[in-house]
Amino acid sequence: MQTYLRHNMTDYDTLLLMGLNKDAARKRVQPRINAMIAHWSRKRTIDD
């Protein structure tokens, strides 16, 4: 799941093309990935 999100829902590939190495690019996009997963994982209530 994280690989899909990294490549399709962040600027990870652009960062690689700009010259960042994989570790630096992953570190930069990881907070966004974590936020997406946390949002999707949160428990829904009737009011949502």
Foldseek 3Di string as FASTA:
>chain_A
DLVCCLVPVDCLVVVVVVPDDNVVSCVVCVVVSVVVVCVVPDDDDPVD
